[in-house]
Amino acid sequence: ILFEEILPQYVSKDVWDMFLVIIQL
């Protein structure tokens, strides 16, 4: 939640939300 504010997001919100799930795998 902290780094999401600091670092830029280069993908859409949907892809970003998926990313946060996929990396858990």
PDBML (XML) file of the C-alpha atoms, coordinates in Angstrom:
<?xml version="1.0" encoding="UTF-8" ?>
<PDBx:datablock datablockName="MODEL"
   xmlns:PDBx="http://pdbml.pdb.org/schema/pdbx-v50.xsd"
   xmlns:xsi="http://www.w3.org/2001/XMLSchema-instance"
   xsi:schemaLocation="http://pdbml.pdb.org/schema/pdbx-v50.xsd pdbx-v50.xsd">
   <PDBx:atom_siteCategory>
      <PDBx:atom_site id="1">
         <PDBx:B_iso_or_equiv>0.00</PDBx:B_iso_or_equiv>
         <PDBx:Cartn_x>0.000</PDBx:Cartn_x>
         <PDBx:Cartn_y>0.000</PDBx:Cartn_y>
         <PDBx:Cartn_z>0.000</PDBx:Cartn_z>
         <PDBx:auth_asym_id>A</PDBx:auth_asym_id>
         <PDBx:auth_atom_id>CA</PDBx:auth_atom_id>
         <PDBx:auth_comp_id>ILE</PDBx:auth_comp_id>
         <PDBx:auth_seq_id>1</PDBx:auth_seq_id>
         <PDBx:group_PDB>ATOM</PDBx:group_PDB>
         <PDBx:label_alt_id xsi:nil="true" />
         <PDBx:label_asym_id>A</PDBx:label_asym_id>
         <PDBx:label_atom_id>CA</PDBx:label_atom_id>
         <PDBx:label_comp_id>ILE</PDBx:label_comp_id>
         <PDBx:label_entity_id>1</PDBx:label_entity_id>
         <PDBx:label_seq_id>1</PDBx:label_seq_id>
         <PDBx:occupancy>1.00</PDBx:occupancy>
         <PDBx:pdbx_PDB_model_num>1</PDBx:pdbx_PDB_model_num>
         <PDBx:type_symbol>C</PDBx:type_symbol>
      </PDBx:atom_site>
      <PDBx:atom_site id="2">
         <PDBx:B_iso_or_equiv>0.00</PDBx:B_iso_or_equiv>
         <PDBx:Cartn_x>2.987</PDBx:Cartn_x>
         <PDBx:Cartn_y>2.280</PDBx:Cartn_y>
         <PDBx:Cartn_z>0.612</PDBx:Cartn_z>
         <PDBx:auth_asym_id>A</PDBx:auth_asym_id>
         <PDBx:auth_atom_id>CA</PDBx:auth_atom_id>
         <PDBx:auth_comp_id>LEU</PDBx:auth_comp_id>
         <PDBx:auth_seq_id>2</PDBx:auth_seq_id>
         <PDBx:group_PDB>ATOM</PDBx:group_PDB>
         <PDBx:label_alt_id xsi:nil="true" />
         <PDBx:label_asym_id>A</PDBx:label_asym_id>
         <PDBx:label_atom_id>CA</PDBx:label_atom_id>
         <PDBx:label_comp_id>LEU</PDBx:label_comp_id>
         <PDBx:label_entity_id>1</PDBx:label_entity_id>
         <PDBx:label_seq_id>2</PDBx:label_seq_id>
         <PDBx:occupancy>1.00</PDBx:occupancy>
         <PDBx:pdbx_PDB_model_num>1</PDBx:pdbx_PDB_model_num>
         <PDBx:type_symbol>C</PDBx:type_symbol>
      </PDBx:atom_site>
      <PDBx:atom_site id="3">
         <PDBx:B_iso_or_equiv>0.00</PDBx:B_iso_or_equiv>
         <PDBx:Cartn_x>4.960</PDBx:Cartn_x>
         <PDBx:Cartn_y>1.412</PDBx:Cartn_y>
         <PDBx:Cartn_z>-2.523</PDBx:Cartn_z>
         <PDBx:auth_asym_id>A</PDBx:auth_asym_id>
         <PDBx:auth_atom_id>CA</PDBx:auth_atom_id>
         <PDBx:auth_comp_id>PHE</PDBx:auth_comp_id>
         <PDBx:auth_seq_id>3</PDBx:auth_seq_id>
         <PDBx:group_PDB>ATOM</PDBx:group_PDB>
         <PDBx:label_alt_id xsi:nil="true" />
         <PDBx:label_asym_id>A</PDBx:label_asym_id>
         <PDBx:label_atom_id>CA</PDBx:label_atom_id>
         <PDBx:label_comp_id>PHE</PDBx:label_comp_id>
         <PDBx:label_entity_id>1</PDBx:label_entity_id>
         <PDBx:label_seq_id>3</PDBx:label_seq_id>
         <PDBx:occupancy>1.00</PDBx:occupancy>
         <PDBx:pdbx_PDB_model_num>1</PDBx:pdbx_PDB_model_num>
         <PDBx:type_symbol>C</PDBx:type_symbol>
      </PDBx:atom_site>
      <PDBx:atom_site id="4">
         <PDBx:B_iso_or_equiv>0.00</PDBx:B_iso_or_equiv>
         <PDBx:Cartn_x>1.861</PDBx:Cartn_x>
         <PDBx:Cartn_y>1.589</PDBx:Cartn_y>
         <PDBx:Cartn_z>-4.718</PDBx:Cartn_z>
         <PDBx:auth_asym_id>A</PDBx:auth_asym_id>
         <PDBx:auth_atom_id>CA</PDBx:auth_atom_id>
         <PDBx:auth_comp_id>GLU</PDBx:auth_comp_id>
         <PDBx:auth_seq_id>4</PDBx:auth_seq_id>
         <PDBx:group_PDB>ATOM</PDBx:group_PDB>
         <PDBx:label_alt_id xsi:nil="true" />
         <PDBx:label_asym_id>A</PDBx:label_asym_id>
         <PDBx:label_atom_id>CA</PDBx:label_atom_id>
         <PDBx:label_comp_id>GLU</PDBx:label_comp_id>
         <PDBx:label_entity_id>1</PDBx:label_entity_id>
         <PDBx:label_seq_id>4</PDBx:label_seq_id>
         <PDBx:occupancy>1.00</PDBx:occupancy>
         <PDBx:pdbx_PDB_model_num>1</PDBx:pdbx_PDB_model_num>
         <PDBx:type_symbol>C</PDBx:type_symbol>
      </PDBx:atom_site>
      <PDBx:atom_site id="5">
         <PDBx:B_iso_or_equiv>0.00</PDBx:B_iso_or_equiv>
         <PDBx:Cartn_x>1.799</PDBx:Cartn_x>
         <PDBx:Cartn_y>5.297</PDBx:Cartn_y>
         <PDBx:Cartn_z>-3.920</PDBx:Cartn_z>
         <PDBx:auth_asym_id>A</PDBx:auth_asym_id>
         <PDBx:auth_atom_id>CA</PDBx:auth_atom_id>
         <PDBx:auth_comp_id>GLU</PDBx:auth_comp_id>
         <PDBx:auth_seq_id>5</PDBx:auth_seq_id>
         <PDBx:group_PDB>ATOM</PDBx:group_PDB>
         <PDBx:label_alt_id xsi:nil="true" />
         <PDBx:label_asym_id>A</PDBx:label_asym_id>
         <PDBx:label_atom_id>CA</PDBx:label_atom_id>
         <PDBx:label_comp_id>GLU</PDBx:label_comp_id>
         <PDBx:label_entity_id>1</PDBx:label_entity_id>
         <PDBx:label_seq_id>5</PDBx:label_seq_id>
         <PDBx:occupancy>1.00</PDBx:occupancy>
         <PDBx:pdbx_PDB_model_num>1</PDBx:pdbx_PDB_model_num>
         <PDBx:type_symbol>C</PDBx:type_symbol>
      </PDBx:atom_site>
      <PDBx:atom_site id="6">
         <PDBx:B_iso_or_equiv>0.00</PDBx:B_iso_or_equiv>
         <PDBx:Cartn_x>5.527</PDBx:Cartn_x>
         <PDBx:Cartn_y>5.810</PDBx:Cartn_y>
         <PDBx:Cartn_z>-4.472</PDBx:Cartn_z>
         <PDBx:auth_asym_id>A</PDBx:auth_asym_id>
         <PDBx:auth_atom_id>CA</PDBx:auth_atom_id>
         <PDBx:auth_comp_id>ILE</PDBx:auth_comp_id>
         <PDBx:auth_seq_id>6</PDBx:auth_seq_id>
         <PDBx:group_PDB>ATOM</PDBx:group_PDB>
         <PDBx:label_alt_id xsi:nil="true" />
         <PDBx:label_asym_id>A</PDBx:label_asym_id>
         <PDBx:label_atom_id>CA</PDBx:label_atom_id>
         <PDBx:label_comp_id>ILE</PDBx:label_comp_id>
         <PDBx:label_entity_id>1</PDBx:label_entity_id>
         <PDBx:label_seq_id>6</PDBx:label_seq_id>
         <PDBx:occupancy>1.00</PDBx:occupancy>
         <PDBx:pdbx_PDB_model_num>1</PDBx:pdbx_PDB_model_num>
         <PDBx:type_symbol>C</PDBx:type_symbol>
      </PDBx:atom_site>
      <PDBx:atom_site id="7">
         <PDBx:B_iso_or_equiv>0.00</PDBx:B_iso_or_equiv>
         <PDBx:Cartn_x>6.193</PDBx:Cartn_x>
         <PDBx:Cartn_y>3.833</PDBx:Cartn_y>
         <PDBx:Cartn_z>-7.662</PDBx:Cartn_z>
         <PDBx:auth_asym_id>A</PDBx:auth_asym_id>
         <PDBx:auth_atom_id>CA</PDBx:auth_atom_id>
         <PDBx:auth_comp_id>LEU</PDBx:auth_comp_id>
         <PDBx:auth_seq_id>7</PDBx:auth_seq_id>
         <PDBx:group_PDB>ATOM</PDBx:group_PDB>
         <PDBx:label_alt_id xsi:nil="true" />
         <PDBx:label_asym_id>A</PDBx:label_asym_id>
         <PDBx:label_atom_id>CA</PDBx:label_atom_id>
         <PDBx:label_comp_id>LEU</PDBx:label_comp_id>
         <PDBx:label_entity_id>1</PDBx:label_entity_id>
         <PDBx:label_seq_id>7</PDBx:label_seq_id>
         <PDBx:occupancy>1.00</PDBx:occupancy>
         <PDBx:pdbx_PDB_model_num>1</PDBx:pdbx_PDB_model_num>
         <PDBx:type_symbol>C</PDBx:type_symbol>
      </PDBx:atom_site>
      <PDBx:atom_site id="8">
         <PDBx:B_iso_or_equiv>0.00</PDBx:B_iso_or_equiv>
         <PDBx:Cartn_x>4.530</PDBx:Cartn_x>
         <PDBx:Cartn_y>4.496</PDBx:Cartn_y>
         <PDBx:Cartn_z>-11.038</PDBx:Cartn_z>
         <PDBx:auth_asym_id>A</PDBx:auth_asym_id>
         <PDBx:auth_atom_id>CA</PDBx:auth_atom_id>
         <PDBx:auth_comp_id>PRO</PDBx:auth_comp_id>
         <PDBx:auth_seq_id>8</PDBx:auth_seq_id>
         <PDBx:group_PDB>ATOM</PDBx:group_PDB>
         <PDBx:label_alt_id xsi:nil="true" />
         <PDBx:label_asym_id>A</PDBx:label_asym_id>
         <PDBx:label_atom_id>CA</PDBx:label_atom_id>
         <PDBx:label_comp_id>PRO</PDBx:label_comp_id>
         <PDBx:label_entity_id>1</PDBx:label_entity_id>
         <PDBx:label_seq_id>8</PDBx:label_seq_id>
         <PDBx:occupancy>1.00</PDBx:occupancy>
         <PDBx:pdbx_PDB_model_num>1</PDBx:pdbx_PDB_model_num>
         <PDBx:type_symbol>C</PDBx:type_symbol>
      </PDBx:atom_site>
      <PDBx:atom_site id="9">
         <PDBx:B_iso_or_equiv>0.00</PDBx:B_iso_or_equiv>
         <PDBx:Cartn_x>2.115</PDBx:Cartn_x>
         <PDBx:Cartn_y>1.943</PDBx:Cartn_y>
         <PDBx:Cartn_z>-12.498</PDBx:Cartn_z>
         <PDBx:auth_asym_id>A</PDBx:auth_asym_id>
         <PDBx:auth_atom_id>CA</PDBx:auth_atom_id>
         <PDBx:auth_comp_id>GLN</PDBx:auth_comp_id>
         <PDBx:auth_seq_id>9</PDBx:auth_seq_id>
         <PDBx:group_PDB>ATOM</PDBx:group_PDB>
         <PDBx:label_alt_id xsi:nil="true" />
         <PDBx:label_asym_id>A</PDBx:label_asym_id>
         <PDBx:label_atom_id>CA</PDBx:label_atom_id>
         <PDBx:label_comp_id>GLN</PDBx:label_comp_id>
         <PDBx:label_entity_id>1</PDBx:label_entity_id>
         <PDBx:label_seq_id>9</PDBx:label_seq_id>
         <PDBx:occupancy>1.00</PDBx:occupancy>
         <PDBx:pdbx_PDB_model_num>1</PDBx:pdbx_PDB_model_num>
         <PDBx:type_symbol>C</PDBx:type_symbol>
      </PDBx:atom_site>
      <PDBx:atom_site id="10">
         <PDBx:B_iso_or_equiv>0.00</PDBx:B_iso_or_equiv>
         <PDBx:Cartn_x>2.751</PDBx:Cartn_x>
         <PDBx:Cartn_y>1.240</PDBx:Cartn_y>
         <PDBx:Cartn_z>-16.175</PDBx:Cartn_z>
         <PDBx:auth_asym_id>A</PDBx:auth_asym_id>
         <PDBx:auth_atom_id>CA</PDBx:auth_atom_id>
         <PDBx:auth_comp_id>TYR</PDBx:auth_comp_id>
         <PDBx:auth_seq_id>10</PDBx:auth_seq_id>
         <PDBx:group_PDB>ATOM</PDBx:group_PDB>
         <PDBx:label_alt_id xsi:nil="true" />
         <PDBx:label_asym_id>A</PDBx:label_asym_id>
         <PDBx:label_atom_id>CA</PDBx:label_atom_id>
         <PDBx:label_comp_id>TYR</PDBx:label_comp_id>
         <PDBx:label_entity_id>1</PDBx:label_entity_id>
         <PDBx:label_seq_id>10</PDBx:label_seq_id>
         <PDBx:occupancy>1.00</PDBx:occupancy>
         <PDBx:pdbx_PDB_model_num>1</PDBx:pdbx_PDB_model_num>
         <PDBx:type_symbol>C</PDBx:type_symbol>
      </PDBx:atom_site>
      <PDBx:atom_site id="11">
         <PDBx:B_iso_or_equiv>0.00</PDBx:B_iso_or_equiv>
         <PDBx:Cartn_x>-0.297</PDBx:Cartn_x>
         <PDBx:Cartn_y>-1.000</PDBx:Cartn_y>
         <PDBx:Cartn_z>-16.664</PDBx:Cartn_z>
         <PDBx:auth_asym_id>A</PDBx:auth_asym_id>
         <PDBx:auth_atom_id>CA</PDBx:auth_atom_id>
         <PDBx:auth_comp_id>VAL</PDBx:auth_comp_id>
         <PDBx:auth_seq_id>11</PDBx:auth_seq_id>
         <PDBx:group_PDB>ATOM</PDBx:group_PDB>
         <PDBx:label_alt_id xsi:nil="true" />
         <PDBx:label_asym_id>A</PDBx:label_asym_id>
         <PDBx:label_atom_id>CA</PDBx:label_atom_id>
         <PDBx:label_comp_id>VAL</PDBx:label_comp_id>
         <PDBx:label_entity_id>1</PDBx:label_entity_id>
         <PDBx:label_seq_id>11</PDBx:label_seq_id>
         <PDBx:occupancy>1.00</PDBx:occupancy>
         <PDBx:pdbx_PDB_model_num>1</PDBx:pdbx_PDB_model_num>
         <PDBx:type_symbol>C</PDBx:type_symbol>
      </PDBx:atom_site>
      <PDBx:atom_site id="12">
         <PDBx:B_iso_or_equiv>0.00</PDBx:B_iso_or_equiv>
         <PDBx:Cartn_x>-4.077</PDBx:Cartn_x>
         <PDBx:Cartn_y>-0.647</PDBx:Cartn_y>
         <PDBx:Cartn_z>-16.381</PDBx:Cartn_z>
         <PDBx:auth_asym_id>A</PDBx:auth_asym_id>
         <PDBx:auth_atom_id>CA</PDBx:auth_atom_id>
         <PDBx:auth_comp_id>SER</PDBx:auth_comp_id>
         <PDBx:auth_seq_id>12</PDBx:auth_seq_id>
         <PDBx:group_PDB>ATOM</PDBx:group_PDB>
         <PDBx:label_alt_id xsi:nil="true" />
         <PDBx:label_asym_id>A</PDBx:label_asym_id>
         <PDBx:label_atom_id>CA</PDBx:label_atom_id>
         <PDBx:label_comp_id>SER</PDBx:label_comp_id>
         <PDBx:label_entity_id>1</PDBx:label_entity_id>
         <PDBx:label_seq_id>12</PDBx:label_seq_id>
         <PDBx:occupancy>1.00</PDBx:occupancy>
         <PDBx:pdbx_PDB_model_num>1</PDBx:pdbx_PDB_model_num>
         <PDBx:type_symbol>C</PDBx:type_symbol>
      </PDBx:atom_site>
      <PDBx:atom_site id="13">
         <PDBx:B_iso_or_equiv>0.00</PDBx:B_iso_or_equiv>
         <PDBx:Cartn_x>-5.787</PDBx:Cartn_x>
         <PDBx:Cartn_y>-0.979</PDBx:Cartn_y>
         <PDBx:Cartn_z>-13.003</PDBx:Cartn_z>
         <PDBx:auth_asym_id>A</PDBx:auth_asym_id>
         <PDBx:auth_atom_id>CA</PDBx:auth_atom_id>
         <PDBx:auth_comp_id>LYS</PDBx:auth_comp_id>
         <PDBx:auth_seq_id>13</PDBx:auth_seq_id>
         <PDBx:group_PDB>ATOM</PDBx:group_PDB>
         <PDBx:label_alt_id xsi:nil="true" />
         <PDBx:label_asym_id>A</PDBx:label_asym_id>
         <PDBx:label_atom_id>CA</PDBx:label_atom_id>
         <PDBx:label_comp_id>LYS</PDBx:label_comp_id>
         <PDBx:label_entity_id>1</PDBx:label_entity_id>
         <PDBx:label_seq_id>13</PDBx:label_seq_id>
         <PDBx:occupancy>1.00</PDBx:occupancy>
         <PDBx:pdbx_PDB_model_num>1</PDBx:pdbx_PDB_model_num>
         <PDBx:type_symbol>C</PDBx:type_symbol>
      </PDBx:atom_site>
      <PDBx:atom_site id="14">
         <PDBx:B_iso_or_equiv>0.00</PDBx:B_iso_or_equiv>
         <PDBx:Cartn_x>-7.220</PDBx:Cartn_x>
         <PDBx:Cartn_y>-4.388</PDBx:Cartn_y>
         <PDBx:Cartn_z>-13.970</PDBx:Cartn_z>
         <PDBx:auth_asym_id>A</PDBx:auth_asym_id>
         <PDBx:auth_atom_id>CA</PDBx:auth_atom_id>
         <PDBx:auth_comp_id>ASP</PDBx:auth_comp_id>
         <PDBx:auth_seq_id>14</PDBx:auth_seq_id>
         <PDBx:group_PDB>ATOM</PDBx:group_PDB>
         <PDBx:label_alt_id xsi:nil="true" />
         <PDBx:label_asym_id>A</PDBx:label_asym_id>
         <PDBx:label_atom_id>CA</PDBx:label_atom_id>
         <PDBx:label_comp_id>ASP</PDBx:label_comp_id>
         <PDBx:label_entity_id>1</PDBx:label_entity_id>
         <PDBx:label_seq_id>14</PDBx:label_seq_id>
         <PDBx:occupancy>1.00</PDBx:occupancy>
         <PDBx:pdbx_PDB_model_num>1</PDBx:pdbx_PDB_model_num>
         <PDBx:type_symbol>C</PDBx:type_symbol>
      </PDBx:atom_site>
      <PDBx:atom_site id="15">
         <PDBx:B_iso_or_equiv>0.00</PDBx:B_iso_or_equiv>
         <PDBx:Cartn_x>-3.785</PDBx:Cartn_x>
         <PDBx:Cartn_y>-5.729</PDBx:Cartn_y>
         <PDBx:Cartn_z>-14.926</PDBx:Cartn_z>
         <PDBx:auth_asym_id>A</PDBx:auth_asym_id>
         <PDBx:auth_atom_id>CA</PDBx:auth_atom_id>
         <PDBx:auth_comp_id>VAL</PDBx:auth_comp_id>
         <PDBx:auth_seq_id>15</PDBx:auth_seq_id>
         <PDBx:group_PDB>ATOM</PDBx:group_PDB>
         <PDBx:label_alt_id xsi:nil="true" />
         <PDBx:label_asym_id>A</PDBx:label_asym_id>
         <PDBx:label_atom_id>CA</PDBx:label_atom_id>
         <PDBx:label_comp_id>VAL</PDBx:label_comp_id>
         <PDBx:label_entity_id>1</PDBx:label_entity_id>
         <PDBx:label_seq_id>15</PDBx:label_seq_id>
         <PDBx:occupancy>1.00</PDBx:occupancy>
         <PDBx:pdbx_PDB_model_num>1</PDBx:pdbx_PDB_model_num>
         <PDBx:type_symbol>C</PDBx:type_symbol>
      </PDBx:atom_site>
      <PDBx:atom_site id="16">
         <PDBx:B_iso_or_equiv>0.00</PDBx:B_iso_or_equiv>
         <PDBx:Cartn_x>-2.293</PDBx:Cartn_x>
         <PDBx:Cartn_y>-4.214</PDBx:Cartn_y>
         <PDBx:Cartn_z>-11.779</PDBx:Cartn_z>
         <PDBx:auth_asym_id>A</PDBx:auth_asym_id>
         <PDBx:auth_atom_id>CA</PDBx:auth_atom_id>
         <PDBx:auth_comp_id>TRP</PDBx:auth_comp_id>
         <PDBx:auth_seq_id>16</PDBx:auth_seq_id>
         <PDBx:group_PDB>ATOM</PDBx:group_PDB>
         <PDBx:label_alt_id xsi:nil="true" />
         <PDBx:label_asym_id>A</PDBx:label_asym_id>
         <PDBx:label_atom_id>CA</PDBx:label_atom_id>
         <PDBx:label_comp_id>TRP</PDBx:label_comp_id>
         <PDBx:label_entity_id>1</PDBx:label_entity_id>
         <PDBx:label_seq_id>16</PDBx:label_seq_id>
         <PDBx:occupancy>1.00</PDBx:occupancy>
         <PDBx:pdbx_PDB_model_num>1</PDBx:pdbx_PDB_model_num>
         <PDBx:type_symbol>C</PDBx:type_symbol>
      </PDBx:atom_site>
      <PDBx:atom_site id="17">
         <PDBx:B_iso_or_equiv>0.00</PDBx:B_iso_or_equiv>
         <PDBx:Cartn_x>-4.903</PDBx:Cartn_x>
         <PDBx:Cartn_y>-5.913</PDBx:Cartn_y>
         <PDBx:Cartn_z>-9.587</PDBx:Cartn_z>
         <PDBx:auth_asym_id>A</PDBx:auth_asym_id>
         <PDBx:auth_atom_id>CA</PDBx:auth_atom_id>
         <PDBx:auth_comp_id>ASP</PDBx:auth_comp_id>
         <PDBx:auth_seq_id>17</PDBx:auth_seq_id>
         <PDBx:group_PDB>ATOM</PDBx:group_PDB>
         <PDBx:label_alt_id xsi:nil="true" />
         <PDBx:label_asym_id>A</PDBx:label_asym_id>
         <PDBx:label_atom_id>CA</PDBx:label_atom_id>
         <PDBx:label_comp_id>ASP</PDBx:label_comp_id>
         <PDBx:label_entity_id>1</PDBx:label_entity_id>
         <PDBx:label_seq_id>17</PDBx:label_seq_id>
         <PDBx:occupancy>1.00</PDBx:occupancy>
         <PDBx:pdbx_PDB_model_num>1</PDBx:pdbx_PDB_model_num>
         <PDBx:type_symbol>C</PDBx:type_symbol>
      </PDBx:atom_site>
      <PDBx:atom_site id="18">
         <PDBx:B_iso_or_equiv>0.00</PDBx:B_iso_or_equiv>
         <PDBx:Cartn_x>-4.149</PDBx:Cartn_x>
         <PDBx:Cartn_y>-9.201</PDBx:Cartn_y>
         <PDBx:Cartn_z>-11.347</PDBx:Cartn_z>
         <PDBx:auth_asym_id>A</PDBx:auth_asym_id>
         <PDBx:auth_atom_id>CA</PDBx:auth_atom_id>
         <PDBx:auth_comp_id>MET</PDBx:auth_comp_id>
         <PDBx:auth_seq_id>18</PDBx:auth_seq_id>
         <PDBx:group_PDB>ATOM</PDBx:group_PDB>
         <PDBx:label_alt_id xsi:nil="true" />
         <PDBx:label_asym_id>A</PDBx:label_asym_id>
         <PDBx:label_atom_id>CA</PDBx:label_atom_id>
         <PDBx:label_comp_id>MET</PDBx:label_comp_id>
         <PDBx:label_entity_id>1</PDBx:label_entity_id>
         <PDBx:label_seq_id>18</PDBx:label_seq_id>
         <PDBx:occupancy>1.00</PDBx:occupancy>
         <PDBx:pdbx_PDB_model_num>1</PDBx:pdbx_PDB_model_num>
         <PDBx:type_symbol>C</PDBx:type_symbol>
      </PDBx:atom_site>
      <PDBx:atom_site id="19">
         <PDBx:B_iso_or_equiv>0.00</PDBx:B_iso_or_equiv>
         <PDBx:Cartn_x>-0.414</PDBx:Cartn_x>
         <PDBx:Cartn_y>-8.644</PDBx:Cartn_y>
         <PDBx:Cartn_z>-10.881</PDBx:Cartn_z>
         <PDBx:auth_asym_id>A</PDBx:auth_asym_id>
         <PDBx:auth_atom_id>CA</PDBx:auth_atom_id>
         <PDBx:auth_comp_id>PHE</PDBx:auth_comp_id>
         <PDBx:auth_seq_id>19</PDBx:auth_seq_id>
         <PDBx:group_PDB>ATOM</PDBx:group_PDB>
         <PDBx:label_alt_id xsi:nil="true" />
         <PDBx:label_asym_id>A</PDBx:label_asym_id>
         <PDBx:label_atom_id>CA</PDBx:label_atom_id>
         <PDBx:label_comp_id>PHE</PDBx:label_comp_id>
         <PDBx:label_entity_id>1</PDBx:label_entity_id>
         <PDBx:label_seq_id>19</PDBx:label_seq_id>
         <PDBx:occupancy>1.00</PDBx:occupancy>
         <PDBx:pdbx_PDB_model_num>1</PDBx:pdbx_PDB_model_num>
         <PDBx:type_symbol>C</PDBx:type_symbol>
      </PDBx:atom_site>
      <PDBx:atom_site id="20">
         <PDBx:B_iso_or_equiv>0.00</PDBx:B_iso_or_equiv>
         <PDBx:Cartn_x>-0.805</PDBx:Cartn_x>
         <PDBx:Cartn_y>-8.366</PDBx:Cartn_y>
         <PDBx:Cartn_z>-7.100</PDBx:Cartn_z>
         <PDBx:auth_asym_id>A</PDBx:auth_asym_id>
         <PDBx:auth_atom_id>CA</PDBx:auth_atom_id>
         <PDBx:auth_comp_id>LEU</PDBx:auth_comp_id>
         <PDBx:auth_seq_id>20</PDBx:auth_seq_id>
         <PDBx:group_PDB>ATOM</PDBx:group_PDB>
         <PDBx:label_alt_id xsi:nil="true" />
         <PDBx:label_asym_id>A</PDBx:label_asym_id>
         <PDBx:label_atom_id>CA</PDBx:label_atom_id>
         <PDBx:label_comp_id>LEU</PDBx:label_comp_id>
         <PDBx:label_entity_id>1</PDBx:label_entity_id>
         <PDBx:label_seq_id>20</PDBx:label_seq_id>
         <PDBx:occupancy>1.00</PDBx:occupancy>
         <PDBx:pdbx_PDB_model_num>1</PDBx:pdbx_PDB_model_num>
         <PDBx:type_symbol>C</PDBx:type_symbol>
      </PDBx:atom_site>
      <PDBx:atom_site id="21">
         <PDBx:B_iso_or_equiv>0.00</PDBx:B_iso_or_equiv>
         <PDBx:Cartn_x>-2.548</PDBx:Cartn_x>
         <PDBx:Cartn_y>-11.759</PDBx:Cartn_y>
         <PDBx:Cartn_z>-7.153</PDBx:Cartn_z>
         <PDBx:auth_asym_id>A</PDBx:auth_asym_id>
         <PDBx:auth_atom_id>CA</PDBx:auth_atom_id>
         <PDBx:auth_comp_id>VAL</PDBx:auth_comp_id>
         <PDBx:auth_seq_id>21</PDBx:auth_seq_id>
         <PDBx:group_PDB>ATOM</PDBx:group_PDB>
         <PDBx:label_alt_id xsi:nil="true" />
         <PDBx:label_asym_id>A</PDBx:label_asym_id>
         <PDBx:label_atom_id>CA</PDBx:label_atom_id>
         <PDBx:label_comp_id>VAL</PDBx:label_comp_id>
         <PDBx:label_entity_id>1</PDBx:label_entity_id>
         <PDBx:label_seq_id>21</PDBx:label_seq_id>
         <PDBx:occupancy>1.00</PDBx:occupancy>
         <PDBx:pdbx_PDB_model_num>1</PDBx:pdbx_PDB_model_num>
         <PDBx:type_symbol>C</PDBx:type_symbol>
      </PDBx:atom_site>
      <PDBx:atom_site id="22">
         <PDBx:B_iso_or_equiv>0.00</PDBx:B_iso_or_equiv>
         <PDBx:Cartn_x>-0.275</PDBx:Cartn_x>
         <PDBx:Cartn_y>-13.532</PDBx:Cartn_y>
         <PDBx:Cartn_z>-9.646</PDBx:Cartn_z>
         <PDBx:auth_asym_id>A</PDBx:auth_asym_id>
         <PDBx:auth_atom_id>CA</PDBx:auth_atom_id>
         <PDBx:auth_comp_id>ILE</PDBx:auth_comp_id>
         <PDBx:auth_seq_id>22</PDBx:auth_seq_id>
         <PDBx:group_PDB>ATOM</PDBx:group_PDB>
         <PDBx:label_alt_id xsi:nil="true" />
         <PDBx:label_asym_id>A</PDBx:label_asym_id>
         <PDBx:label_atom_id>CA</PDBx:label_atom_id>
         <PDBx:label_comp_id>ILE</PDBx:label_comp_id>
         <PDBx:label_entity_id>1</PDBx:label_entity_id>
         <PDBx:label_seq_id>22</PDBx:label_seq_id>
         <PDBx:occupancy>1.00</PDBx:occupancy>
         <PDBx:pdbx_PDB_model_num>1</PDBx:pdbx_PDB_model_num>
         <PDBx:type_symbol>C</PDBx:type_symbol>
      </PDBx:atom_site>
      <PDBx:atom_site id="23">
         <PDBx:B_iso_or_equiv>0.00</PDBx:B_iso_or_equiv>
         <PDBx:Cartn_x>2.965</PDBx:Cartn_x>
         <PDBx:Cartn_y>-12.700</PDBx:Cartn_y>
         <PDBx:Cartn_z>-7.818</PDBx:Cartn_z>
         <PDBx:auth_asym_id>A</PDBx:auth_asym_id>
         <PDBx:auth_atom_id>CA</PDBx:auth_atom_id>
         <PDBx:auth_comp_id>ILE</PDBx:auth_comp_id>
         <PDBx:auth_seq_id>23</PDBx:auth_seq_id>
         <PDBx:group_PDB>ATOM</PDBx:group_PDB>
         <PDBx:label_alt_id xsi:nil="true" />
         <PDBx:label_asym_id>A</PDBx:label_asym_id>
         <PDBx:label_atom_id>CA</PDBx:label_atom_id>
         <PDBx:label_comp_id>ILE</PDBx:label_comp_id>
         <PDBx:label_entity_id>1</PDBx:label_entity_id>
         <PDBx:label_seq_id>23</PDBx:label_seq_id>
         <PDBx:occupancy>1.00</PDBx:occupancy>
         <PDBx:pdbx_PDB_model_num>1</PDBx:pdbx_PDB_model_num>
         <PDBx:type_symbol>C</PDBx:type_symbol>
      </PDBx:atom_site>
      <PDBx:atom_site id="24">
         <PDBx:B_iso_or_equiv>0.00</PDBx:B_iso_or_equiv>
         <PDBx:Cartn_x>1.562</PDBx:Cartn_x>
         <PDBx:Cartn_y>-14.533</PDBx:Cartn_y>
         <PDBx:Cartn_z>-4.790</PDBx:Cartn_z>
         <PDBx:auth_asym_id>A</PDBx:auth_asym_id>
         <PDBx:auth_atom_id>CA</PDBx:auth_atom_id>
         <PDBx:auth_comp_id>GLN</PDBx:auth_comp_id>
         <PDBx:auth_seq_id>24</PDBx:auth_seq_id>
         <PDBx:group_PDB>ATOM</PDBx:group_PDB>
         <PDBx:label_alt_id xsi:nil="true" />
         <PDBx:label_asym_id>A</PDBx:label_asym_id>
         <PDBx:label_atom_id>CA</PDBx:label_atom_id>
         <PDBx:label_comp_id>GLN</PDBx:label_comp_id>
         <PDBx:label_entity_id>1</PDBx:label_entity_id>
         <PDBx:label_seq_id>24</PDBx:label_seq_id>
         <PDBx:occupancy>1.00</PDBx:occupancy>
         <PDBx:pdbx_PDB_model_num>1</PDBx:pdbx_PDB_model_num>
         <PDBx:type_symbol>C</PDBx:type_symbol>
      </PDBx:atom_site>
      <PDBx:atom_site id="25">
         <PDBx:B_iso_or_equiv>0.00</PDBx:B_iso_or_equiv>
         <PDBx:Cartn_x>1.661</PDBx:Cartn_x>
         <PDBx:Cartn_y>-17.737</PDBx:Cartn_y>
         <PDBx:Cartn_z>-6.848</PDBx:Cartn_z>
         <PDBx:auth_asym_id>A</PDBx:auth_asym_id>
         <PDBx:auth_atom_id>CA</PDBx:auth_atom_id>
         <PDBx:auth_comp_id>LEU</PDBx:auth_comp_id>
         <PDBx:auth_seq_id>25</PDBx:auth_seq_id>
         <PDBx:group_PDB>ATOM</PDBx:group_PDB>
         <PDBx:label_alt_id xsi:nil="true" />
         <PDBx:label_asym_id>A</PDBx:label_asym_id>
         <PDBx:label_atom_id>CA</PDBx:label_atom_id>
         <PDBx:label_comp_id>LEU</PDBx:label_comp_id>
         <PDBx:label_entity_id>1</PDBx:label_entity_id>
         <PDBx:label_seq_id>25</PDBx:label_seq_id>
         <PDBx:occupancy>1.00</PDBx:occupancy>
         <PDBx:pdbx_PDB_model_num>1</PDBx:pdbx_PDB_model_num>
         <PDBx:type_symbol>C</PDBx:type_symbol>
      </PDBx:atom_site>
   </PDBx:atom_siteCategory>
</PDBx:datablock>
